[in-house]
Structures are given as C-alpha cells and as structure tokens.
Amino acid sequence: MKHWGSECFARSKGGCSGRIQAAHWISVQTLRGRRANYRIAIRNGREVGEAGRYLVDMPIEGLIADPRNGIPLCDHHHASFDRRDGKALDLTPHTDVREFAAEYGLEDLL
C-alpha cells in the first residue's frame, strides 16, 4: 500500500492550499447506497456476484476506514474533488483505489 506522507495527490494540478486531509475516492454516501442496493437485490433473489455479496457482508466501518479508498488532498483540491466548489477535479485513481474497487465490485464508480 502507498504511504502518502503529507503531499496532496493533486499537486500536479497546481493551486494547492490549506491543510492536507483524507479524501474518500468513492464517497461514504455512495458506499452506503451501493450496499443498500445490493442488499435489496439479494433479498429479492437477484444475483449481485461474489464482489457484491462481499460488499454487503463487510461492515460499513471497515469500508469507510479502508485506506485503499483514500487519497490525501489539500483543502482546495478536496473541495473540487467533492465538487463542493462547483468545479470538477479530474484525477486518475491510484492502484490501491482500483484494487479496492475491484474487490467490492465498484469499478464502475471510478
């Protein structure tokens, strides 16, 4: 797993400012929503695949805390990444993020 240190993952985009903070590549809200959708699908007898069942079985706290789904961003870039400032930040997911997504069947969210 990559050890990020204190550098903003988007530093190559320029304009870094503020403190470095952890950012979820796949948001907590999205993780919760996908788990709920898979849980409903399973209850209704629809197939969600092995990764989908694994996602449902994993405690949400474990998903949220998994460092593979996190990147360090400065305040400025975090706001753009989350689109809180009305701008979109185009980044390429790191290998760890892609591994996390593949493990839980979330590749479509990258």
PDB file of N, CA and C in Angstrom:
ATOM      1  N   MET A   1       0.843  -1.178   0.000  1.00  0.00           N
ATOM      2  CA  MET A   1       0.000   0.000   0.000  1.00  0.00           C
ATOM      3  C   MET A   1       0.886   1.238   0.000  1.00  0.00           C
ATOM      4  N   LYS A   2       0.481   2.240  -0.710  1.00  0.00           N
ATOM      5  CA  LYS A   2       1.205   3.501  -0.808  1.00  0.00           C
ATOM      6  C   LYS A   2       1.130   4.258   0.508  1.00  0.00           C
ATOM      7  N   HIS A   3       2.244   4.765   0.951  1.00  0.00           N
ATOM      8  CA  HIS A   3       2.282   5.650   2.122  1.00  0.00           C
ATOM      9  C   HIS A   3       2.436   7.074   1.594  1.00  0.00           C
ATOM     10  N   TRP A   4       1.407   7.853   1.759  1.00  0.00           N
ATOM     11  CA  TRP A   4       1.304   9.140   1.085  1.00  0.00           C
ATOM     12  C   TRP A   4       2.157  10.238   1.688  1.00  0.00           C
ATOM     13  N   GLY A   5       2.374  10.212   2.974  1.00  0.00           N
ATOM     14  CA  GLY A   5       3.053  11.340   3.580  1.00  0.00           C
ATOM     15  C   GLY A   5       2.121  12.537   3.626  1.00  0.00           C
ATOM     16  N   SER A   6       2.662  13.698   3.368  1.00  0.00           N
ATOM     17  CA  SER A   6       1.839  14.906   3.507  1.00  0.00           C
ATOM     18  C   SER A   6       1.705  15.672   2.197  1.00  0.00           C
ATOM     19  N   GLU A   7       1.828  15.001   1.068  1.00  0.00           N
ATOM     20  CA  GLU A   7       1.682  15.658  -0.221  1.00  0.00           C
ATOM     21  C   GLU A   7       0.276  15.480  -0.766  1.00  0.00           C
ATOM     22  N   CYS A   8      -0.254  16.533  -1.344  1.00  0.00           N
ATOM     23  CA  CYS A   8      -1.562  16.482  -1.989  1.00  0.00           C
ATOM     24  C   CYS A   8      -1.474  15.602  -3.234  1.00  0.00           C
ATOM     25  N   PHE A   9      -2.395  14.664  -3.386  1.00  0.00           N
ATOM     26  CA  PHE A   9      -2.429  13.764  -4.528  1.00  0.00           C
ATOM     27  C   PHE A   9      -2.606  14.543  -5.837  1.00  0.00           C
ATOM     28  N   ALA A  10      -3.197  15.720  -5.777  1.00  0.00           N
ATOM     29  CA  ALA A  10      -3.461  16.539  -6.963  1.00  0.00           C
ATOM     30  C   ALA A  10      -2.440  17.657  -7.136  1.00  0.00           C
ATOM     31  N   ARG A  11      -1.297  17.537  -6.494  1.00  0.00           N
ATOM     32  CA  ARG A  11      -0.308  18.616  -6.544  1.00  0.00           C
ATOM     33  C   ARG A  11       0.099  18.962  -7.974  1.00  0.00           C
ATOM     34  N   SER A  12       0.076  17.984  -8.887  1.00  0.00           N
ATOM     35  CA  SER A  12       0.452  18.252 -10.277  1.00  0.00           C
ATOM     36  C   SER A  12      -0.553  19.177 -10.964  1.00  0.00           C
ATOM     37  N   LYS A  13      -1.741  19.329 -10.404  1.00  0.00           N
ATOM     38  CA  LYS A  13      -2.764  20.214 -10.971  1.00  0.00           C
ATOM     39  C   LYS A  13      -2.516  21.664 -10.577  1.00  0.00           C
ATOM     40  N   GLY A  14      -1.635  21.875  -9.592  1.00  0.00           N
ATOM     41  CA  GLY A  14      -1.324  23.229  -9.141  1.00  0.00           C
ATOM     42  C   GLY A  14      -2.407  23.785  -8.240  1.00  0.00           C
ATOM     43  N   GLY A  15      -2.101  24.898  -7.609  1.00  0.00           N
ATOM     44  CA  GLY A  15      -3.078  25.599  -6.795  1.00  0.00           C
ATOM     45  C   GLY A  15      -3.320  25.015  -5.423  1.00  0.00           C
ATOM     46  N   CYS A  16      -2.419  24.172  -4.928  1.00  0.00           N
ATOM     47  CA  CYS A  16      -2.617  23.585  -3.599  1.00  0.00           C
ATOM     48  C   CYS A  16      -2.659  24.674  -2.534  1.00  0.00           C
ATOM     49  N   SER A  17      -3.601  24.509  -1.613  1.00  0.00           N
ATOM     50  CA  SER A  17      -3.677  25.425  -0.484  1.00  0.00           C
ATOM     51  C   SER A  17      -4.435  24.754   0.649  1.00  0.00           C
ATOM     52  N   GLY A  18      -4.117  25.177   1.844  1.00  0.00           N
ATOM     53  CA  GLY A  18      -4.789  24.633   3.021  1.00  0.00           C
ATOM     54  C   GLY A  18      -4.127  23.365   3.508  1.00  0.00           C
ATOM     55  N   ARG A  19      -4.746  22.795   4.521  1.00  0.00           N
ATOM     56  CA  ARG A  19      -4.182  21.596   5.138  1.00  0.00           C
ATOM     57  C   ARG A  19      -4.455  20.363   4.301  1.00  0.00           C
ATOM     58  N   ILE A  20      -3.626  19.345   4.494  1.00  0.00           N
ATOM     59  CA  ILE A  20      -3.816  18.063   3.833  1.00  0.00           C
ATOM     60  C   ILE A  20      -4.816  17.260   4.655  1.00  0.00           C
ATOM     61  N   GLN A  21      -5.766  16.632   3.968  1.00  0.00           N
ATOM     62  CA  GLN A  21      -6.780  15.832   4.644  1.00  0.00           C
ATOM     63  C   GLN A  21      -7.084  14.590   3.818  1.00  0.00           C
ATOM     64  N   ALA A  22      -7.630  13.597   4.467  1.00  0.00           N
ATOM     65  CA  ALA A  22      -8.003  12.355   3.784  1.00  0.00           C
ATOM     66  C   ALA A  22      -9.284  12.579   2.993  1.00  0.00           C
ATOM     67  N   ALA A  23      -9.302  12.058   1.790  1.00  0.00           N
ATOM     68  CA  ALA A  23     -10.489  12.129   0.942  1.00  0.00           C
ATOM     69  C   ALA A  23     -10.826  10.718   0.475  1.00  0.00           C
ATOM     70  N   HIS A  24     -12.089  10.354   0.541  1.00  0.00           N
ATOM     71  CA  HIS A  24     -12.529   9.061   0.016  1.00  0.00           C
ATOM     72  C   HIS A  24     -12.686   9.191  -1.494  1.00  0.00           C
ATOM     73  N   TRP A  25     -12.060   8.264  -2.230  1.00  0.00           N
ATOM     74  CA  TRP A  25     -12.243   8.286  -3.687  1.00  0.00           C
ATOM     75  C   TRP A  25     -13.698   7.964  -4.012  1.00  0.00           C
ATOM     76  N   ILE A  26     -14.198   6.874  -3.437  1.00  0.00           N
ATOM     77  CA  ILE A  26     -15.621   6.537  -3.547  1.00  0.00           C
ATOM     78  C   ILE A  26     -16.261   7.006  -2.255  1.00  0.00           C
ATOM     79  N   SER A  27     -17.162   7.945  -2.339  1.00  0.00           N
ATOM     80  CA  SER A  27     -17.700   8.599  -1.148  1.00  0.00           C
ATOM     81  C   SER A  27     -18.413   7.630  -0.207  1.00  0.00           C
ATOM     82  N   VAL A  28     -18.471   8.017   1.053  1.00  0.00           N
ATOM     83  CA  VAL A  28     -19.165   7.221   2.069  1.00  0.00           C
ATOM     84  C   VAL A  28     -20.635   7.054   1.681  1.00  0.00           C
ATOM     85  N   GLN A  29     -21.257   8.113   1.182  1.00  0.00           N
ATOM     86  CA  GLN A  29     -22.657   8.043   0.781  1.00  0.00           C
ATOM     87  C   GLN A  29     -22.848   7.027  -0.344  1.00  0.00           C
ATOM     88  N   THR A  30     -21.925   7.004  -1.283  1.00  0.00           N
ATOM     89  CA  THR A  30     -22.007   6.065  -2.395  1.00  0.00           C
ATOM     90  C   THR A  30     -21.813   4.634  -1.908  1.00  0.00           C
ATOM     91  N   LEU A  31     -20.863   4.419  -1.003  1.00  0.00           N
ATOM     92  CA  LEU A  31     -20.650   3.080  -0.440  1.00  0.00           C
ATOM     93  C   LEU A  31     -21.906   2.594   0.281  1.00  0.00           C
ATOM     94  N   ARG A  32     -22.498   3.465   1.078  1.00  0.00           N
ATOM     95  CA  ARG A  32     -23.723   3.087   1.794  1.00  0.00           C
ATOM     96  C   ARG A  32     -24.858   2.766   0.813  1.00  0.00           C
ATOM     97  N   GLY A  33     -24.998   3.590  -0.206  1.00  0.00           N
ATOM     98  CA  GLY A  33     -26.054   3.381  -1.185  1.00  0.00           C
ATOM     99  C   GLY A  33     -25.883   2.096  -1.969  1.00  0.00           C
ATOM    100  N   ARG A  34     -24.668   1.807  -2.397  1.00  0.00           N
ATOM    101  CA  ARG A  34     -24.430   0.580  -3.155  1.00  0.00           C
ATOM    102  C   ARG A  34     -24.687  -0.646  -2.287  1.00  0.00           C
ATOM    103  N   ARG A  35     -24.252  -0.608  -1.017  1.00  0.00           N
ATOM    104  CA  ARG A  35     -24.512  -1.725  -0.096  1.00  0.00           C
ATOM    105  C   ARG A  35     -26.017  -1.942   0.051  1.00  0.00           C
ATOM    106  N   ALA A  36     -26.757  -0.863   0.223  1.00  0.00           N
ATOM    107  CA  ALA A  36     -28.212  -0.968   0.391  1.00  0.00           C
ATOM    108  C   ALA A  36     -28.854  -1.547  -0.871  1.00  0.00           C
ATOM    109  N   ASN A  37     -28.425  -1.087  -2.041  1.00  0.00           N
ATOM    110  CA  ASN A  37     -28.980  -1.602  -3.294  1.00  0.00           C
ATOM    111  C   ASN A  37     -28.685  -3.089  -3.468  1.00  0.00           C
ATOM    112  N   TYR A  38     -27.473  -3.501  -3.144  1.00  0.00           N
ATOM    113  CA  TYR A  38     -27.113  -4.920  -3.244  1.00  0.00           C
ATOM    114  C   TYR A  38     -27.900  -5.746  -2.232  1.00  0.00           C
ATOM    115  N   ARG A  39     -28.075  -5.214  -1.045  1.00  0.00           N
ATOM    116  CA  ARG A  39     -28.835  -5.932  -0.011  1.00  0.00           C
ATOM    117  C   ARG A  39     -30.275  -6.163  -0.481  1.00  0.00           C
ATOM    118  N   ILE A  40     -30.884  -5.156  -1.071  1.00  0.00           N
ATOM    119  CA  ILE A  40     -32.249  -5.277  -1.593  1.00  0.00           C
ATOM    120  C   ILE A  40     -32.291  -6.289  -2.735  1.00  0.00           C
ATOM    121  N   ALA A  41     -31.300  -6.228  -3.630  1.00  0.00           N
ATOM    122  CA  ALA A  41     -31.250  -7.165  -4.750  1.00  0.00           C
ATOM    123  C   ALA A  41     -31.149  -8.601  -4.253  1.00  0.00           C
ATOM    124  N   ILE A  42     -30.298  -8.834  -3.266  1.00  0.00           N
ATOM    125  CA  ILE A  42     -30.138 -10.184  -2.705  1.00  0.00           C
ATOM    126  C   ILE A  42     -31.445 -10.642  -2.082  1.00  0.00           C
ATOM    127  N   ARG A  43     -32.082  -9.762  -1.329  1.00  0.00           N
ATOM    128  CA  ARG A  43     -33.362 -10.099  -0.686  1.00  0.00           C
ATOM    129  C   ARG A  43     -34.426 -10.459  -1.722  1.00  0.00           C
ATOM    130  N   ASN A  44     -34.355  -9.833  -2.897  1.00  0.00           N
ATOM    131  CA  ASN A  44     -35.323 -10.086  -3.968  1.00  0.00           C
ATOM    132  C   ASN A  44     -34.886 -11.205  -4.907  1.00  0.00           C
ATOM    133  N   GLY A  45     -33.813 -11.905  -4.542  1.00  0.00           N
ATOM    134  CA  GLY A  45     -33.384 -13.059  -5.317  1.00  0.00           C
ATOM    135  C   GLY A  45     -32.573 -12.748  -6.556  1.00  0.00           C
ATOM    136  N   ARG A  46     -32.115 -11.501  -6.727  1.00  0.00           N
ATOM    137  CA  ARG A  46     -31.293 -11.151  -7.878  1.00  0.00           C
ATOM    138  C   ARG A  46     -29.826 -11.404  -7.562  1.00  0.00           C
ATOM    139  N   GLU A  47     -29.063 -11.748  -8.561  1.00  0.00           N
ATOM    140  CA  GLU A  47     -27.638 -12.048  -8.398  1.00  0.00           C
ATOM    141  C   GLU A  47     -26.832 -10.748  -8.392  1.00  0.00           C
ATOM    142  N   VAL A  48     -25.929 -10.605  -7.433  1.00  0.00           N
ATOM    143  CA  VAL A  48     -25.061  -9.427  -7.363  1.00  0.00           C
ATOM    144  C   VAL A  48     -23.592  -9.809  -7.507  1.00  0.00           C
ATOM    145  N   GLY A  49     -23.317 -11.081  -7.673  1.00  0.00           N
ATOM    146  CA  GLY A  49     -21.938 -11.534  -7.839  1.00  0.00           C
ATOM    147  C   GLY A  49     -21.218 -11.652  -6.510  1.00  0.00           C
ATOM    148  N   GLU A  50     -20.079 -12.299  -6.582  1.00  0.00           N
ATOM    149  CA  GLU A  50     -19.284 -12.527  -5.366  1.00  0.00           C
ATOM    150  C   GLU A  50     -18.835 -11.220  -4.728  1.00  0.00           C
ATOM    151  N   ALA A  51     -18.369 -10.272  -5.548  1.00  0.00           N
ATOM    152  CA  ALA A  51     -17.903  -8.990  -5.012  1.00  0.00           C
ATOM    153  C   ALA A  51     -19.054  -8.223  -4.352  1.00  0.00           C
ATOM    154  N   GLY A  52     -20.234  -8.289  -4.941  1.00  0.00           N
ATOM    155  CA  GLY A  52     -21.398  -7.623  -4.359  1.00  0.00           C
ATOM    156  C   GLY A  52     -21.790  -8.220  -3.020  1.00  0.00           C
ATOM    157  N   ARG A  53     -21.745  -9.540  -2.931  1.00  0.00           N
ATOM    158  CA  ARG A  53     -22.043 -10.196  -1.644  1.00  0.00           C
ATOM    159  C   ARG A  53     -20.991  -9.839  -0.601  1.00  0.00           C
ATOM    160  N   TYR A  54     -19.742  -9.757  -1.035  1.00  0.00           N
ATOM    161  CA  TYR A  54     -18.650  -9.384  -0.136  1.00  0.00           C
ATOM    162  C   TYR A  54     -18.845  -7.958   0.384  1.00  0.00           C
ATOM    163  N   LEU A  55     -19.288  -7.063  -0.495  1.00  0.00           N
ATOM    164  CA  LEU A  55     -19.559  -5.684  -0.103  1.00  0.00           C
ATOM    165  C   LEU A  55     -20.650  -5.631   0.959  1.00  0.00           C
ATOM    166  N   VAL A  56     -21.713  -6.391   0.764  1.00  0.00           N
ATOM    167  CA  VAL A  56     -22.821  -6.424   1.725  1.00  0.00           C
ATOM    168  C   VAL A  56     -22.361  -6.990   3.062  1.00  0.00           C
ATOM    169  N   ASP A  57     -21.510  -8.001   3.029  1.00  0.00           N
ATOM    170  CA  ASP A  57     -21.052  -8.650   4.262  1.00  0.00           C
ATOM    171  C   ASP A  57     -20.036  -7.825   5.043  1.00  0.00           C
ATOM    172  N   MET A  58     -19.334  -6.922   4.373  1.00  0.00           N
ATOM    173  CA  MET A  58     -18.311  -6.111   5.047  1.00  0.00           C
ATOM    174  C   MET A  58     -18.986  -5.033   5.898  1.00  0.00           C
ATOM    175  N   PRO A  59     -18.604  -4.911   7.163  1.00  0.00           N
ATOM    176  CA  PRO A  59     -19.162  -3.825   7.982  1.00  0.00           C
ATOM    177  C   PRO A  59     -18.828  -2.467   7.352  1.00  0.00           C
ATOM    178  N   ILE A  60     -19.786  -1.565   7.360  1.00  0.00           N
ATOM    179  CA  ILE A  60     -19.594  -0.256   6.735  1.00  0.00           C
ATOM    180  C   ILE A  60     -18.384   0.468   7.323  1.00  0.00           C
ATOM    181  N   GLU A  61     -18.130   0.275   8.602  1.00  0.00           N
ATOM    182  CA  GLU A  61     -16.975   0.925   9.231  1.00  0.00           C
ATOM    183  C   GLU A  61     -15.675   0.466   8.582  1.00  0.00           C
ATOM    184  N   GLY A  62     -15.616  -0.825   8.207  1.00  0.00           N
ATOM    185  CA  GLY A  62     -14.431  -1.354   7.541  1.00  0.00           C
ATOM    186  C   GLY A  62     -14.240  -0.756   6.162  1.00  0.00           C
ATOM    187  N   LEU A  63     -15.344  -0.575   5.444  1.00  0.00           N
ATOM    188  CA  LEU A  63     -15.267   0.042   4.118  1.00  0.00           C
ATOM    189  C   LEU A  63     -14.809   1.490   4.213  1.00  0.00           C
ATOM    190  N   ILE A  64     -15.376   2.210   5.158  1.00  0.00           N
ATOM    191  CA  ILE A  64     -15.050   3.625   5.321  1.00  0.00           C
ATOM    192  C   ILE A  64     -13.592   3.810   5.722  1.00  0.00           C
ATOM    193  N   ALA A  65     -13.089   2.922   6.565  1.00  0.00           N
ATOM    194  CA  ALA A  65     -11.725   3.056   7.087  1.00  0.00           C
ATOM    195  C   ALA A  65     -10.666   2.446   6.174  1.00  0.00           C
ATOM    196  N   ASP A  66     -11.055   1.741   5.129  1.00  0.00           N
ATOM    197  CA  ASP A  66     -10.071   1.086   4.261  1.00  0.00           C
ATOM    198  C   ASP A  66      -9.199   2.146   3.588  1.00  0.00           C
ATOM    199  N   PRO A  67      -7.902   2.161   3.896  1.00  0.00           N
ATOM    200  CA  PRO A  67      -7.037   3.213   3.355  1.00  0.00           C
ATOM    201  C   PRO A  67      -6.853   3.150   1.845  1.00  0.00           C
ATOM    202  N   ARG A  68      -7.178   2.034   1.227  1.00  0.00           N
ATOM    203  CA  ARG A  68      -7.031   1.940  -0.231  1.00  0.00           C
ATOM    204  C   ARG A  68      -8.000   2.859  -0.956  1.00  0.00           C
ATOM    205  N   ASN A  69      -9.085   3.243  -0.300  1.00  0.00           N
ATOM    206  CA  ASN A  69     -10.079   4.123  -0.900  1.00  0.00           C
ATOM    207  C   ASN A  69      -9.814   5.585  -0.565  1.00  0.00           C
ATOM    208  N   GLY A  70      -8.674   5.866  -0.001  1.00  0.00           N
ATOM    209  CA  GLY A  70      -8.383   7.231   0.407  1.00  0.00           C
ATOM    210  C   GLY A  70      -7.188   7.819  -0.306  1.00  0.00           C
ATOM    211  N   ILE A  71      -7.237   9.127  -0.499  1.00  0.00           N
ATOM    212  CA  ILE A  71      -6.106   9.875  -1.035  1.00  0.00           C
ATOM    213  C   ILE A  71      -5.963  11.156  -0.218  1.00  0.00           C
ATOM    214  N   PRO A  72      -4.738  11.665  -0.091  1.00  0.00           N
ATOM    215  CA  PRO A  72      -4.554  12.936   0.602  1.00  0.00           C
ATOM    216  C   PRO A  72      -4.779  14.101  -0.363  1.00  0.00           C
ATOM    217  N   LEU A  73      -5.600  15.033   0.046  1.00  0.00           N
ATOM    218  CA  LEU A  73      -5.845  16.227  -0.759  1.00  0.00           C
ATOM    219  C   LEU A  73      -5.774  17.459   0.126  1.00  0.00           C
ATOM    220  N   CYS A  74      -5.269  18.548  -0.424  1.00  0.00           N
ATOM    221  CA  CYS A  74      -5.306  19.817   0.297  1.00  0.00           C
ATOM    222  C   CYS A  74      -6.760  20.300   0.324  1.00  0.00           C
ATOM    223  N   ASP A  75      -7.040  21.283   1.170  1.00  0.00           N
ATOM    224  CA  ASP A  75      -8.401  21.819   1.269  1.00  0.00           C
ATOM    225  C   ASP A  75      -8.952  22.233  -0.097  1.00  0.00           C
ATOM    226  N   HIS A  76      -8.125  22.934  -0.867  1.00  0.00           N
ATOM    227  CA  HIS A  76      -8.556  23.441  -2.179  1.00  0.00           C
ATOM    228  C   HIS A  76      -8.965  22.295  -3.103  1.00  0.00           C
ATOM    229  N   HIS A  77      -8.111  21.286  -3.236  1.00  0.00           N
ATOM    230  CA  HIS A  77      -8.412  20.187  -4.153  1.00  0.00           C
ATOM    231  C   HIS A  77      -9.512  19.264  -3.623  1.00  0.00           C
ATOM    232  N   HIS A  78      -9.612  19.129  -2.305  1.00  0.00           N
ATOM    233  CA  HIS A  78     -10.686  18.306  -1.746  1.00  0.00           C
ATOM    234  C   HIS A  78     -12.044  18.902  -2.110  1.00  0.00           C
ATOM    235  N   ALA A  79     -12.164  20.218  -2.018  1.00  0.00           N
ATOM    236  CA  ALA A  79     -13.431  20.876  -2.374  1.00  0.00           C
ATOM    237  C   ALA A  79     -13.765  20.645  -3.844  1.00  0.00           C
ATOM    238  N   SER A  80     -12.765  20.667  -4.717  1.00  0.00           N
ATOM    239  CA  SER A  80     -13.010  20.410  -6.143  1.00  0.00           C
ATOM    240  C   SER A  80     -13.320  18.944  -6.390  1.00  0.00           C
ATOM    241  N   PHE A  81     -12.608  18.044  -5.706  1.00  0.00           N
ATOM    242  CA  PHE A  81     -12.823  16.613  -5.879  1.00  0.00           C
ATOM    243  C   PHE A  81     -14.245  16.238  -5.483  1.00  0.00           C
ATOM    244  N   ASP A  82     -14.742  16.821  -4.393  1.00  0.00           N
ATOM    245  CA  ASP A  82     -16.113  16.584  -3.934  1.00  0.00           C
ATOM    246  C   ASP A  82     -17.128  17.458  -4.660  1.00  0.00           C
ATOM    247  N   ARG A  83     -16.662  18.336  -5.539  1.00  0.00           N
ATOM    248  CA  ARG A  83     -17.479  19.281  -6.309  1.00  0.00           C
ATOM    249  C   ARG A  83     -18.248  20.257  -5.420  1.00  0.00           C
ATOM    250  N   ARG A  84     -17.716  20.505  -4.216  1.00  0.00           N
ATOM    251  CA  ARG A  84     -18.355  21.479  -3.330  1.00  0.00           C
ATOM    252  C   ARG A  84     -18.168  22.892  -3.837  1.00  0.00           C
ATOM    253  N   ASP A  85     -17.121  23.115  -4.618  1.00  0.00           N
ATOM    254  CA  ASP A  85     -16.872  24.463  -5.116  1.00  0.00           C
ATOM    255  C   ASP A  85     -17.399  24.656  -6.540  1.00  0.00           C
ATOM    256  N   GLY A  86     -18.165  23.686  -7.045  1.00  0.00           N
ATOM    257  CA  GLY A  86     -18.747  23.789  -8.372  1.00  0.00           C
ATOM    258  C   GLY A  86     -17.807  23.385  -9.491  1.00  0.00           C
ATOM    259  N   LYS A  87     -16.588  23.013  -9.155  1.00  0.00           N
ATOM    260  CA  LYS A  87     -15.605  22.591 -10.154  1.00  0.00           C
ATOM    261  C   LYS A  87     -15.381  21.094 -10.025  1.00  0.00           C
ATOM    262  N   ALA A  88     -14.936  20.491 -11.087  1.00  0.00           N
ATOM    263  CA  ALA A  88     -14.609  19.061 -11.060  1.00  0.00           C
ATOM    264  C   ALA A  88     -13.104  18.903 -11.154  1.00  0.00           C
ATOM    265  N   LEU A  89     -12.566  18.009 -10.362  1.00  0.00           N
ATOM    266  CA  LEU A  89     -11.134  17.726 -10.373  1.00  0.00           C
ATOM    267  C   LEU A  89     -10.937  16.379 -11.041  1.00  0.00           C
ATOM    268  N   ASP A  90     -10.267  16.368 -12.165  1.00  0.00           N
ATOM    269  CA  ASP A  90     -10.057  15.147 -12.934  1.00  0.00           C
ATOM    270  C   ASP A  90      -8.747  14.497 -12.499  1.00  0.00           C
ATOM    271  N   LEU A  91      -8.853  13.373 -11.811  1.00  0.00           N
ATOM    272  CA  LEU A  91      -7.686  12.622 -11.348  1.00  0.00           C
ATOM    273  C   LEU A  91      -7.790  11.181 -11.808  1.00  0.00           C
ATOM    274  N   THR A  92      -6.664  10.539 -11.929  1.00  0.00           N
ATOM    275  CA  THR A  92      -6.612   9.113 -12.266  1.00  0.00           C
ATOM    276  C   THR A  92      -6.447   8.327 -10.979  1.00  0.00           C
ATOM    277  N   PRO A  93      -7.301   7.334 -10.740  1.00  0.00           N
ATOM    278  CA  PRO A  93      -7.205   6.586  -9.484  1.00  0.00           C
ATOM    279  C   PRO A  93      -5.893   5.830  -9.361  1.00  0.00           C
ATOM    280  N   HIS A  94      -5.359   5.832  -8.178  1.00  0.00           N
ATOM    281  CA  HIS A  94      -4.139   5.106  -7.849  1.00  0.00           C
ATOM    282  C   HIS A  94      -4.429   3.604  -7.857  1.00  0.00           C
ATOM    283  N   THR A  95      -3.404   2.800  -7.964  1.00  0.00           N
ATOM    284  CA  THR A  95      -3.534   1.338  -7.975  1.00  0.00           C
ATOM    285  C   THR A  95      -4.311   0.836  -6.763  1.00  0.00           C
ATOM    286  N   ASP A  96      -4.056   1.391  -5.584  1.00  0.00           N
ATOM    287  CA  ASP A  96      -4.762   0.959  -4.370  1.00  0.00           C
ATOM    288  C   ASP A  96      -6.262   1.203  -4.488  1.00  0.00           C
ATOM    289  N   VAL A  97      -6.637   2.328  -5.063  1.00  0.00           N
ATOM    290  CA  VAL A  97      -8.055   2.658  -5.239  1.00  0.00           C
ATOM    291  C   VAL A  97      -8.697   1.661  -6.210  1.00  0.00           C
ATOM    292  N   ARG A  98      -8.002   1.366  -7.300  1.00  0.00           N
ATOM    293  CA  ARG A  98      -8.530   0.396  -8.264  1.00  0.00           C
ATOM    294  C   ARG A  98      -8.662  -0.988  -7.633  1.00  0.00           C
ATOM    295  N   GLU A  99      -7.712  -1.366  -6.778  1.00  0.00           N
ATOM    296  CA  GLU A  99      -7.776  -2.651  -6.067  1.00  0.00           C
ATOM    297  C   GLU A  99      -8.986  -2.704  -5.140  1.00  0.00           C
ATOM    298  N   PHE A 100      -9.215  -1.625  -4.392  1.00  0.00           N
ATOM    299  CA  PHE A 100     -10.367  -1.527  -3.502  1.00  0.00           C
ATOM    300  C   PHE A 100     -11.657  -1.690  -4.303  1.00  0.00           C
ATOM    301  N   ALA A 101     -11.769  -0.954  -5.402  1.00  0.00           N
ATOM    302  CA  ALA A 101     -12.980  -1.006  -6.230  1.00  0.00           C
ATOM    303  C   ALA A 101     -13.214  -2.404  -6.802  1.00  0.00           C
ATOM    304  N   ALA A 102     -12.165  -3.041  -7.269  1.00  0.00           N
ATOM    305  CA  ALA A 102     -12.300  -4.385  -7.840  1.00  0.00           C
ATOM    306  C   ALA A 102     -12.732  -5.397  -6.790  1.00  0.00           C
ATOM    307  N   GLU A 103     -12.195  -5.273  -5.591  1.00  0.00           N
ATOM    308  CA  GLU A 103     -12.530  -6.226  -4.520  1.00  0.00           C
ATOM    309  C   GLU A 103     -14.014  -6.210  -4.197  1.00  0.00           C
ATOM    310  N   TYR A 104     -14.639  -5.045  -4.292  1.00  0.00           N
ATOM    311  CA  TYR A 104     -16.044  -4.901  -3.914  1.00  0.00           C
ATOM    312  C   TYR A 104     -16.981  -4.697  -5.109  1.00  0.00           C
ATOM    313  N   GLY A 105     -16.471  -4.886  -6.317  1.00  0.00           N
ATOM    314  CA  GLY A 105     -17.335  -4.745  -7.491  1.00  0.00           C
ATOM    315  C   GLY A 105     -17.770  -3.315  -7.749  1.00  0.00           C
ATOM    316  N   LEU A 106     -16.891  -2.363  -7.512  1.00  0.00           N
ATOM    317  CA  LEU A 106     -17.243  -0.950  -7.634  1.00  0.00           C
ATOM    318  C   LEU A 106     -16.485  -0.242  -8.761  1.00  0.00           C
ATOM    319  N   GLU A 107     -15.956  -1.012  -9.691  1.00  0.00           N
ATOM    320  CA  GLU A 107     -15.145  -0.432 -10.761  1.00  0.00           C
ATOM    321  C   GLU A 107     -15.885   0.629 -11.556  1.00  0.00           C
ATOM    322  N   ASP A 108     -17.203   0.488 -11.673  1.00  0.00           N
ATOM    323  CA  ASP A 108     -17.989   1.463 -12.442  1.00  0.00           C
ATOM    324  C   ASP A 108     -17.991   2.846 -11.794  1.00  0.00           C
ATOM    325  N   LEU A 109     -17.578   2.925 -10.542  1.00  0.00           N
ATOM    326  CA  LEU A 109     -17.586   4.209  -9.833  1.00  0.00           C
ATOM    327  C   LEU A 109     -16.272   4.974  -9.987  1.00  0.00           C
ATOM    328  N   LEU A 110     -15.318   4.384 -10.671  1.00  0.00           N
ATOM    329  CA  LEU A 110     -14.035   5.068 -10.843  1.00  0.00           C
ATOM    330  C   LEU A 110     -14.088   5.973 -12.041  1.00  0.00           C
TER     331      LEU A 110
END
